[in-house]
């Protein structure tokens, strides 16, 4: 779609010098990237910078940023005003459903952010803080979510916050605080367990914005969540003090991490397995509807069997999509919360 005559792209709204400077900087940044990676050998088809090489590359970009601003006589305040202008323009294009123009501006905004970082020494988070003092919360969020990882993490945080009151009601003796959740999120970040955040984000996108192949997408997302939970529990188990932890499967992890109720878990698991004839769907339904099971056993049995079901059986039948997968989703979140509280109580973290 071409811009309309007289709109902000064709008139430049008084920012022609800023547009010229940004274009020149983008050319320099591309050239620098090619130069930096030219001498880096490939490893499995990927070129990766060392910490020192990355620091040198960022230093070179900052040098280019300073030279561009000096050449075009542009200061920090002007660049911030230009940033707000581009964010507003992108928002306008998004509202008008002019998708190609909006996406093109996003790339420019990212380079402009890099330019501001280069001349100010600020991080993108610090730029966001500065922006927050002069723009609406929606514009600040628009800028923040240029980093898609932050969008994913914030989405997971919203889900954790939403489910926390229900978890605390079901587990009053193992309740979590909002600060505990923040520490859990940092733990996931430190251990590289982004899969959990991404799975939750993907589930919310699927539920709120139906897409082609919704059922298959939901199956994959819940499967990823159960995988992420197993990885998280394994990381927690590795921190157990003076206790040998078997970590080959989720079943052995649960049985050796939670020694206080491991015997009860194994007993109920065998009973449900026998009752269901080895059918994981019947197993989950039996656990879910059993009034005698406490919340701890119920959620861990469903999370465990859900992990097994999703790893070994693919189905998009309605009873699975609308009942079983949703039960596994919530049970896995609650099992994650309980595991984190358990680790906190044991001072493993």
Foldseek 3Di string as FASTA:
>chain_A
DDDDPPDCVNVVVPCPLVVVLLVVLVVVLVVLVCVLQVPFDDDVNDGDDDPVSVVVSLLVSLVSLVVSCVVSVHDLVNLLVVLLVLLVVLVVCVVVVVVVVNVVSLVSSVSSLSSSCSPPVDDLVVSLVVVPVPDDPVSSVSSVCSPVLVVLLVLVLVVLVVCQVVLCVQCVVLHDDNVLVVVVSVVCVVVVLSLQSNLSVQCVCCVVPPDPPSLQSLLVSLLSNLVSLLVVLVVLVVLDPPFDQDNPASLSSVLRPCVVCNVVLVVLLVVLCVVVVNDLVSSLVCLVPDPVDRLQSSLSSLSRSSNVCSVPDDDSDPCCRPPSSVSNNSSSSSNSSSSSSSSVVSVSD
